[in-house]
């Protein structure tokens, strides 16, 4: 059960100026947020049958009440200034760079262990009225810098080299204090570098880039499941780890005629966990350390492909799309996975006039079947035979669907 309130105010003021070979941009961002989150959690079980029946534990229909509950209320303010400059000294060379400095203020009240109060640790039956539980305050003023650099050099009228670099820093947010576990104050840094070739002609626009992304101190609230004496127990941890991704992406748009367009995309990537370890102790009293460093990030395919043809006439647009998602690991040990699958779409857009358009969309034209996402209960499993021949919940491909839409523009 989640109950929360959030109020936001955002505004941006920007100035631009152009001169020969130069384009400048300077801006201000102002963002305010107030948030209050209160969640209660519990565990229940039932049979998997046509008419399911609730299962009892110690005579109770539910257990683990509030073992993973969350609570926080507070506010955030962001005042930022940014500036960019695009310089084109000669037609064959372009340099773009920019900097953004964000002054970030956070004031949060939450029952967390960061002040050394173990009574704030979540457990079955936890409430804010328990003896020793305190709602503590944490406030901080931080700077979140970000920077970008992009350059393009054309060694011919059609072909060129391109390179990008992006750096972003993000400090702690309100939600990182809501779960009760000690909050790490280390900022999250993202480094993205890309290098590759570009080719641009009226009949073909192609980009092929090799990229490397490294994200430090990635924070995620993770639930771990373990069966002890036939009972499924849950523990929640704020996991802090790094993610490194080496990838290669080729994107092409072919226009052999003025009416026909074909978009092709292929991505090969290897997203890996780095510095990802945790030690868990359940009711059996056994402390066990789990190390997922070097494993592929779950729910992220290593191969992505897309084929999108379209044909346009004066009144009609016929289009189709086929997307391939490679094998996706469903848990962090990488011993449970979903097979790769295709997702197919298509449709016809009929522009009656400037005000009325009729759209016919088809989803899953080939009626493919497949699943994606993750199986949280398998993150601690070394023997996956327990998952065979059982029904579990998850995300699946939409069945074949026909959608008819009438769009009116005034």
Protein backbone atom coordinates (compact mmCIF):
# COMPACT_ATOMS: atom_id res chain seq x y z
CA UNK A 1 0.00 0.00 0.00
CA UNK A 2 1.47 3.33 -1.08
CA UNK A 3 0.23 6.77 -0.13
CA UNK A 4 2.12 9.81 -1.26
CA UNK A 5 1.93 13.43 -2.27
CA UNK A 6 4.23 15.35 -4.55
CA UNK A 7 4.16 18.97 -5.73
CA UNK A 8 6.54 20.39 -8.34
CA UNK A 9 7.35 23.77 -9.83
CA UNK A 10 9.72 24.12 -12.78
CA UNK A 11 10.77 27.05 -14.95
CA UNK A 12 13.56 27.83 -17.43
CA UNK A 13 14.88 31.15 -18.73
CA UNK A 14 17.16 31.00 -21.77
CA UNK A 15 19.07 33.50 -23.91
CA UNK A 16 20.59 32.72 -27.31
CA UNK A 17 22.84 34.62 -29.67
CA UNK A 18 24.33 33.87 -33.06
CA UNK A 19 27.29 35.31 -34.90
CA UNK A 20 29.44 34.19 -37.79
CA UNK A 21 30.72 30.68 -36.97
CA UNK A 22 29.30 30.87 -33.40
CA UNK A 23 26.10 30.03 -31.55
CA UNK A 24 25.83 30.73 -27.82
CA UNK A 25 23.18 29.68 -25.34
CA UNK A 26 22.90 30.68 -21.66
CA UNK A 27 20.09 29.65 -19.35
CA UNK A 28 18.75 29.37 -15.82
CA UNK A 29 16.74 26.48 -14.35
CA UNK A 30 14.59 26.68 -11.22
CA UNK A 31 12.99 23.54 -9.76
CA UNK A 32 11.15 22.98 -6.48
CA UNK A 33 9.67 19.75 -5.12
CA UNK A 34 7.80 18.73 -1.97
CA UNK A 35 7.22 15.06 -1.28
CA UNK A 36 5.57 12.86 1.33
CA UNK A 37 5.71 9.06 0.99
CA UNK A 38 4.21 6.50 3.34
CA UNK A 39 4.05 2.82 2.40
CA UNK A 40 2.94 -0.32 4.23
CA UNK A 41 3.98 -3.76 2.98
CA UNK A 42 3.04 -7.35 3.70
CA UNK A 43 3.38 -10.84 2.21
CA UNK A 44 0.55 -13.16 1.20
CA UNK A 45 0.38 -16.43 -0.70
CA UNK A 46 -2.24 -18.39 -2.58
CA UNK A 47 -2.54 -21.48 -4.70
CA UNK A 48 -2.12 -21.25 -8.47
CA UNK A 49 -5.38 -22.69 -9.74
CA UNK A 50 -8.57 -21.74 -11.52
CA UNK A 51 -10.14 -20.79 -8.20
CA UNK A 52 -7.13 -19.84 -6.03
CA UNK A 53 -7.24 -20.32 -2.27
CA UNK A 54 -5.31 -18.18 0.22
CA UNK A 55 -2.55 -19.94 2.16
CA UNK A 56 -1.99 -19.34 5.87
CA UNK A 57 1.26 -19.02 7.82
CA UNK A 58 0.95 -19.70 11.55
CA UNK A 59 -2.79 -19.26 11.13
CA UNK A 60 -2.39 -15.79 9.57
CA UNK A 61 -3.32 -14.78 6.04
CA UNK A 62 -0.36 -12.37 5.81
CA UNK A 63 3.10 -11.94 7.33
CA UNK A 64 6.22 -9.78 7.09
CA UNK A 65 4.08 -6.71 7.84
CA UNK A 66 6.10 -3.54 7.12
CA UNK A 67 9.35 -5.49 6.71
CA UNK A 68 10.05 -3.40 3.59
CA UNK A 69 8.03 -0.27 4.42
CA UNK A 70 9.05 3.26 3.39
CA UNK A 71 8.56 6.70 4.89
CA UNK A 72 9.86 10.18 4.13
CA UNK A 73 8.75 13.77 3.79
CA UNK A 74 10.78 16.75 2.73
CA UNK A 75 11.69 19.10 -0.09
CA UNK A 76 14.26 19.63 -2.79
CA UNK A 77 15.40 22.80 -4.54
CA UNK A 78 17.53 23.08 -7.65
CA UNK A 79 19.02 26.34 -8.95
CA UNK A 80 21.08 25.83 -12.09
CA UNK A 81 22.95 27.89 -14.66
CA UNK A 82 24.14 26.49 -17.98
CA UNK A 83 26.00 27.69 -21.04
CA UNK A 84 26.80 26.11 -24.41
CA UNK A 85 28.85 27.20 -27.41
CA UNK A 86 28.82 25.80 -30.92
CA UNK A 87 31.80 26.82 -33.05
CA UNK A 88 32.09 26.10 -36.77
CA UNK A 89 35.33 27.74 -37.98
CA UNK A 90 35.20 25.88 -41.31
CA UNK A 91 32.41 23.84 -42.93
CA UNK A 92 34.33 20.61 -42.32
CA UNK A 93 34.73 21.04 -38.56
CA UNK A 94 32.27 21.67 -35.73
CA UNK A 95 32.94 21.86 -32.00
CA UNK A 96 30.18 21.96 -29.39
CA UNK A 97 30.72 22.14 -25.65
CA UNK A 98 28.71 23.09 -22.61
CA UNK A 99 28.66 23.24 -18.84
CA UNK A 100 25.83 23.14 -16.31
CA UNK A 101 26.20 23.83 -12.58
CA UNK A 102 23.30 22.93 -10.33
CA UNK A 103 23.05 24.05 -6.71
CA UNK A 104 21.03 21.30 -5.06
CA UNK A 105 19.42 21.64 -1.62
CA UNK A 106 17.65 18.77 0.13
CA UNK A 107 15.83 18.68 3.47
CA UNK A 108 14.38 15.27 4.37
CA UNK A 109 12.78 13.73 7.45
CA UNK A 110 12.80 9.94 7.60
CA UNK A 111 13.25 6.96 9.90
CA UNK A 112 16.64 5.79 8.64
CA UNK A 113 19.71 4.26 10.24
CA UNK A 114 22.11 6.88 8.93
CA UNK A 115 22.31 8.60 12.35
CA UNK A 116 23.28 5.35 14.07
CA UNK A 117 19.82 4.39 15.35
CA UNK A 118 19.38 0.61 14.83
CA UNK A 119 15.75 0.85 16.00
CA UNK A 120 14.93 2.38 12.60
CA UNK A 121 15.89 -0.84 10.78
CA UNK A 122 12.88 -2.45 9.13
CA UNK A 123 11.64 -5.79 10.43
CA UNK A 124 8.38 -7.72 10.48
CA UNK A 125 5.85 -5.72 12.49
CA UNK A 126 7.77 -2.42 12.25
CA UNK A 127 5.83 0.81 12.89
CA UNK A 128 6.88 4.42 13.43
CA UNK A 129 5.41 4.23 16.96
CA UNK A 130 7.76 1.45 18.09
CA UNK A 131 9.98 2.23 21.12
CA UNK A 132 13.24 3.85 20.05
CA UNK A 133 12.12 4.65 16.50
CA UNK A 134 12.98 8.23 15.57
CA UNK A 135 12.24 10.42 12.57
CA UNK A 136 15.56 12.10 11.88
CA UNK A 137 16.37 15.10 9.75
CA UNK A 138 19.05 15.32 7.10
CA UNK A 139 19.75 18.41 5.01
CA UNK A 140 22.55 19.19 2.62
CA UNK A 141 23.65 21.71 0.02
CA UNK A 142 25.48 20.10 -2.90
CA UNK A 143 26.69 20.97 -6.38
CA UNK A 144 25.73 18.74 -9.31
CA UNK A 145 27.98 19.57 -12.27
CA UNK A 146 27.54 18.27 -15.80
CA UNK A 147 29.58 18.83 -18.93
CA UNK A 148 29.42 17.85 -22.58
CA UNK A 149 31.85 17.92 -25.50
CA UNK A 150 31.04 17.03 -29.09
CA UNK A 151 33.12 17.36 -32.22
CA UNK A 152 32.57 16.44 -35.87
CA UNK A 153 35.21 16.45 -38.60
CA UNK A 154 34.21 15.81 -42.21
CA UNK A 155 37.03 14.47 -44.37
CA UNK A 156 34.70 14.48 -47.41
CA UNK A 157 31.38 16.16 -48.25
CA UNK A 158 29.54 12.99 -47.20
CA UNK A 159 31.67 11.24 -44.57
CA UNK A 160 33.19 12.28 -41.28
CA UNK A 161 34.34 11.36 -37.79
CA UNK A 162 32.36 12.15 -34.63
CA UNK A 163 33.29 12.01 -30.95
CA UNK A 164 31.22 12.76 -27.84
CA UNK A 165 31.87 12.95 -24.12
CA UNK A 166 29.30 13.53 -21.39
CA UNK A 167 29.71 13.80 -17.61
CA UNK A 168 26.81 14.02 -15.16
CA UNK A 169 26.87 14.02 -11.35
CA UNK A 170 23.81 13.31 -9.18
CA UNK A 171 23.83 13.55 -5.39
CA UNK A 172 21.44 11.86 -2.96
CA UNK A 173 17.69 12.25 -3.45
CA UNK A 174 14.79 12.19 -0.99
CA UNK A 175 13.74 8.65 -1.88
CA UNK A 176 17.14 7.24 -0.89
CA UNK A 177 16.27 7.85 2.77
CA UNK A 178 12.80 6.29 2.81
CA UNK A 179 13.66 2.61 3.32
CA UNK A 180 15.48 2.85 6.65
CA UNK A 181 18.89 1.54 5.64
CA UNK A 182 22.03 3.66 6.01
CA UNK A 183 22.15 6.15 3.18
CA UNK A 184 25.43 6.47 1.28
CA UNK A 185 26.21 10.12 0.65
CA UNK A 186 28.58 9.36 -2.24
CA UNK A 187 27.39 11.02 -5.48
CA UNK A 188 26.54 9.08 -8.60
CA UNK A 189 28.76 9.94 -11.57
CA UNK A 190 28.09 9.00 -15.19
CA UNK A 191 30.83 9.07 -17.85
CA UNK A 192 29.82 8.51 -21.49
CA UNK A 193 32.27 8.46 -24.37
CA UNK A 194 31.50 7.74 -28.04
CA UNK A 195 33.53 7.65 -31.24
CA UNK A 196 32.58 6.67 -34.75
CA UNK A 197 31.81 7.40 -38.38
CA UNK A 198 29.04 9.41 -40.02
CA UNK A 199 27.85 9.33 -43.62
CA UNK A 200 25.23 11.75 -44.92
CA UNK A 201 23.74 11.77 -48.38
CA UNK A 202 20.20 12.56 -49.59
CA UNK A 203 19.54 8.83 -49.99
CA UNK A 204 21.38 7.60 -46.87
CA UNK A 205 22.11 8.93 -43.38
CA UNK A 206 24.34 6.55 -41.41
CA UNK A 207 26.02 6.72 -38.02
CA UNK A 208 28.17 3.96 -36.53
CA UNK A 209 29.53 4.60 -33.04
CA UNK A 210 31.45 2.68 -30.38
CA UNK A 211 30.51 3.79 -26.88
CA UNK A 212 31.57 3.21 -23.29
CA UNK A 213 29.45 4.19 -20.29
CA UNK A 214 30.57 3.94 -16.68
CA UNK A 215 28.15 4.78 -13.87
CA UNK A 216 29.50 4.90 -10.31
CA UNK A 217 27.53 4.52 -7.07
CA UNK A 218 24.36 3.44 -8.82
CA UNK A 219 21.70 3.26 -6.11
CA UNK A 220 18.74 0.89 -6.25
CA UNK A 221 16.37 -0.42 -3.61
CA UNK A 222 16.55 -4.18 -4.11
CA UNK A 223 14.46 -6.92 -2.54
CA UNK A 224 16.06 -10.30 -1.92
CA UNK A 225 14.01 -13.47 -1.44
CA UNK A 226 15.02 -16.66 0.32
CA UNK A 227 13.01 -19.72 1.30
CA UNK A 228 13.65 -20.73 4.92
CA UNK A 229 11.82 -23.82 6.22
CA UNK A 230 9.34 -23.57 3.37
CA UNK A 231 8.55 -19.88 3.98
CA UNK A 232 9.54 -17.15 1.53
CA UNK A 233 11.38 -14.38 3.41
CA UNK A 234 12.16 -10.91 2.05
CA UNK A 235 14.92 -8.44 2.83
CA UNK A 236 15.30 -4.99 1.27
CA UNK A 237 18.67 -3.31 0.79
CA UNK A 238 19.84 -0.05 -0.72
CA UNK A 239 22.37 -1.50 -3.15
CA UNK A 240 25.23 0.73 -4.28
CA UNK A 241 27.32 -0.51 -7.18
CA UNK A 242 28.84 0.49 -10.52
CA UNK A 243 27.70 -0.37 -14.05
CA UNK A 244 29.99 -0.48 -17.10
CA UNK A 245 28.65 -0.83 -20.65
CA UNK A 246 30.70 -1.30 -23.81
CA UNK A 247 28.58 -1.03 -26.94
CA UNK A 248 28.46 -0.53 -30.68
CA UNK A 249 25.45 1.04 -32.43
CA UNK A 250 24.82 1.49 -36.14
CA UNK A 251 21.84 3.60 -37.18
CA UNK A 252 20.86 4.08 -40.83
CA UNK A 253 18.03 5.83 -42.65
CA UNK A 254 17.64 4.95 -46.34
CA UNK A 255 15.57 7.09 -48.72
CA UNK A 256 15.81 5.49 -52.18
CA UNK A 257 12.74 7.49 -53.27
CA UNK A 258 10.97 10.56 -51.97
CA UNK A 259 8.09 8.42 -50.67
CA UNK A 260 9.88 5.37 -49.23
CA UNK A 261 11.87 5.45 -45.99
CA UNK A 262 13.70 2.58 -44.28
CA UNK A 263 15.19 2.91 -40.80
CA UNK A 264 17.65 0.25 -39.58
CA UNK A 265 19.22 -0.01 -36.14
CA UNK A 266 21.62 -2.54 -34.64
CA UNK A 267 23.09 -2.36 -31.13
CA UNK A 268 25.56 -4.80 -29.59
CA UNK A 269 26.30 -4.10 -25.94
CA UNK A 270 27.70 -5.67 -22.80
CA UNK A 271 26.30 -4.03 -19.64
CA UNK A 272 28.07 -5.40 -16.55
CA UNK A 273 27.76 -4.96 -12.81
CA UNK A 274 30.92 -3.73 -11.09
CA UNK A 275 31.73 -3.66 -7.36
CA UNK A 276 28.40 -5.33 -6.56
CA UNK A 277 28.55 -7.36 -3.33
CA UNK A 278 26.22 -7.77 -0.37
CA UNK A 279 25.97 -9.91 2.76
CA UNK A 280 22.54 -11.10 3.89
CA UNK A 281 21.38 -12.91 7.03
CA UNK A 282 17.88 -14.38 7.14
CA UNK A 283 16.04 -16.08 10.01
CA UNK A 284 18.18 -19.21 9.64
CA UNK A 285 21.09 -17.18 11.04
CA UNK A 286 23.41 -17.94 8.12
CA UNK A 287 25.35 -14.90 6.87
CA UNK A 288 26.15 -15.30 3.19
CA UNK A 289 27.97 -12.96 0.83
CA UNK A 290 26.84 -12.59 -2.78
CA UNK A 291 29.07 -11.10 -5.47
CA UNK A 292 27.51 -10.10 -8.80
CA UNK A 293 30.52 -8.20 -10.16
CA UNK A 294 31.11 -9.04 -13.81
CA UNK A 295 27.57 -10.32 -14.34
CA UNK A 296 25.36 -8.94 -17.12
CA UNK A 297 22.78 -6.42 -15.91
CA UNK A 298 19.45 -8.18 -15.67
CA UNK A 299 16.56 -7.25 -17.99
CA UNK A 300 18.95 -5.61 -20.49
CA UNK A 301 19.46 -7.48 -23.80
CA UNK A 302 22.92 -7.64 -25.35
CA UNK A 303 21.49 -7.44 -28.89
CA UNK A 304 18.91 -4.92 -30.12
CA UNK A 305 17.75 -4.60 -33.72
CA UNK A 306 15.06 -2.55 -35.42
CA UNK A 307 13.63 -2.49 -38.96
CA UNK A 308 11.17 0.33 -39.73
CA UNK A 309 9.96 0.76 -43.34
CA UNK A 310 7.35 3.36 -44.31
CA UNK A 311 5.73 4.57 -47.52
CA UNK A 312 3.95 7.91 -47.84
CA UNK A 313 1.47 9.21 -50.40
CA UNK A 314 -0.50 12.42 -50.48
CA UNK A 315 -3.18 11.07 -48.13
CA UNK A 316 -1.79 7.82 -46.70
CA UNK A 317 1.21 6.65 -44.73
CA UNK A 318 1.85 2.90 -44.56
CA UNK A 319 4.36 1.82 -41.94
CA UNK A 320 5.71 -1.26 -40.19
CA UNK A 321 8.19 -1.94 -37.41
CA UNK A 322 10.02 -5.09 -36.32
CA UNK A 323 12.12 -4.99 -33.16
CA UNK A 324 14.37 -7.76 -31.90
CA UNK A 325 15.36 -8.09 -28.25
CA UNK A 326 18.12 -10.59 -27.54
CA UNK A 327 18.37 -12.89 -24.55
CA UNK A 328 17.67 -11.10 -21.28
CA UNK A 329 18.91 -12.40 -17.97
CA UNK A 330 16.10 -12.49 -15.41
CA UNK A 331 18.28 -12.50 -12.30
CA UNK A 332 21.62 -11.13 -11.16
CA UNK A 333 23.53 -14.47 -11.07
CA UNK A 334 22.69 -14.83 -14.80
CA UNK A 335 21.44 -18.42 -14.47
CA UNK A 336 17.82 -17.60 -15.42
CA UNK A 337 17.03 -15.93 -18.74
CA UNK A 338 14.30 -15.13 -21.25
CA UNK A 339 14.91 -16.12 -24.86
CA UNK A 340 15.23 -13.45 -27.51
CA UNK A 341 12.07 -12.45 -29.36
CA UNK A 342 10.67 -10.21 -32.06
CA UNK A 343 7.97 -7.59 -31.58
CA UNK A 344 6.11 -6.52 -34.73
CA UNK A 345 3.89 -3.51 -35.39
CA UNK A 346 2.27 -1.87 -38.39
CA UNK A 347 -0.39 0.54 -39.44
CA UNK A 348 -1.97 2.96 -41.86
CA UNK A 349 -2.42 6.70 -41.30
CA UNK A 350 -5.11 8.38 -43.40
CA UNK A 351 -4.94 12.19 -43.44
CA UNK A 352 -8.42 13.24 -44.49
CA UNK A 353 -7.57 16.93 -44.17
CA UNK A 354 -5.50 19.25 -41.98
CA UNK A 355 -7.89 18.69 -39.07
CA UNK A 356 -8.85 15.00 -39.25
CA UNK A 357 -6.63 11.89 -39.31
CA UNK A 358 -7.66 8.25 -38.98
CA UNK A 359 -5.05 5.79 -37.69
CA UNK A 360 -5.17 2.00 -37.88
CA UNK A 361 -2.48 0.34 -35.73
CA UNK A 362 -1.67 -3.36 -35.50
CA UNK A 363 0.28 -4.69 -32.50
CA UNK A 364 2.13 -8.04 -32.56
CA UNK A 365 1.25 -8.77 -36.18
CA UNK A 366 2.98 -12.18 -36.11
CA UNK A 367 1.37 -13.01 -32.74
CA UNK A 368 4.77 -13.75 -31.22
CA UNK A 369 5.07 -14.92 -27.63
CA UNK A 370 7.75 -13.94 -25.18
CA UNK A 371 8.55 -12.58 -21.74
CA UNK A 372 10.83 -9.90 -20.38
CA UNK A 373 11.70 -8.22 -17.11
CA UNK A 374 13.12 -10.05 -14.11
CA UNK A 375 12.40 -12.75 -11.53
CA UNK A 376 13.26 -11.11 -8.21
CA UNK A 377 12.84 -14.35 -6.28
CA UNK A 378 15.75 -15.85 -8.26
CA UNK A 379 18.49 -13.35 -7.35
CA UNK A 380 19.89 -15.62 -4.63
CA UNK A 381 19.35 -18.92 -6.45
CA UNK A 382 22.22 -21.20 -7.36
CA UNK A 383 19.96 -24.14 -8.23
CA UNK A 384 17.28 -22.94 -10.65
CA UNK A 385 15.48 -26.29 -10.89
CA UNK A 386 12.91 -24.93 -8.42
CA UNK A 387 11.69 -22.58 -11.17
CA UNK A 388 10.86 -25.35 -13.63
CA UNK A 389 7.23 -26.09 -14.42
CA UNK A 390 5.84 -23.36 -12.16
CA UNK A 391 3.77 -20.28 -12.94
CA UNK A 392 5.21 -16.87 -12.09
CA UNK A 393 4.05 -13.33 -12.74
CA UNK A 394 5.92 -11.06 -15.12
CA UNK A 395 5.78 -8.89 -18.24
CA UNK A 396 4.90 -10.48 -21.56
CA UNK A 397 4.43 -9.37 -25.16
CA UNK A 398 1.02 -7.91 -25.89
CA UNK A 399 -1.18 -10.28 -27.89
CA UNK A 400 -2.30 -9.41 -31.40
CA UNK A 401 -4.26 -6.17 -31.09
CA UNK A 402 -6.03 -3.89 -33.55
CA UNK A 403 -6.43 -0.22 -32.64
CA UNK A 404 -8.48 2.38 -34.52
CA UNK A 405 -7.92 6.05 -33.60
CA UNK A 406 -9.57 9.25 -34.77
CA UNK A 407 -7.37 12.32 -34.29
CA UNK A 408 -8.86 15.83 -34.43
CA UNK A 409 -6.63 18.91 -34.66
CA UNK A 410 -8.07 22.34 -33.95
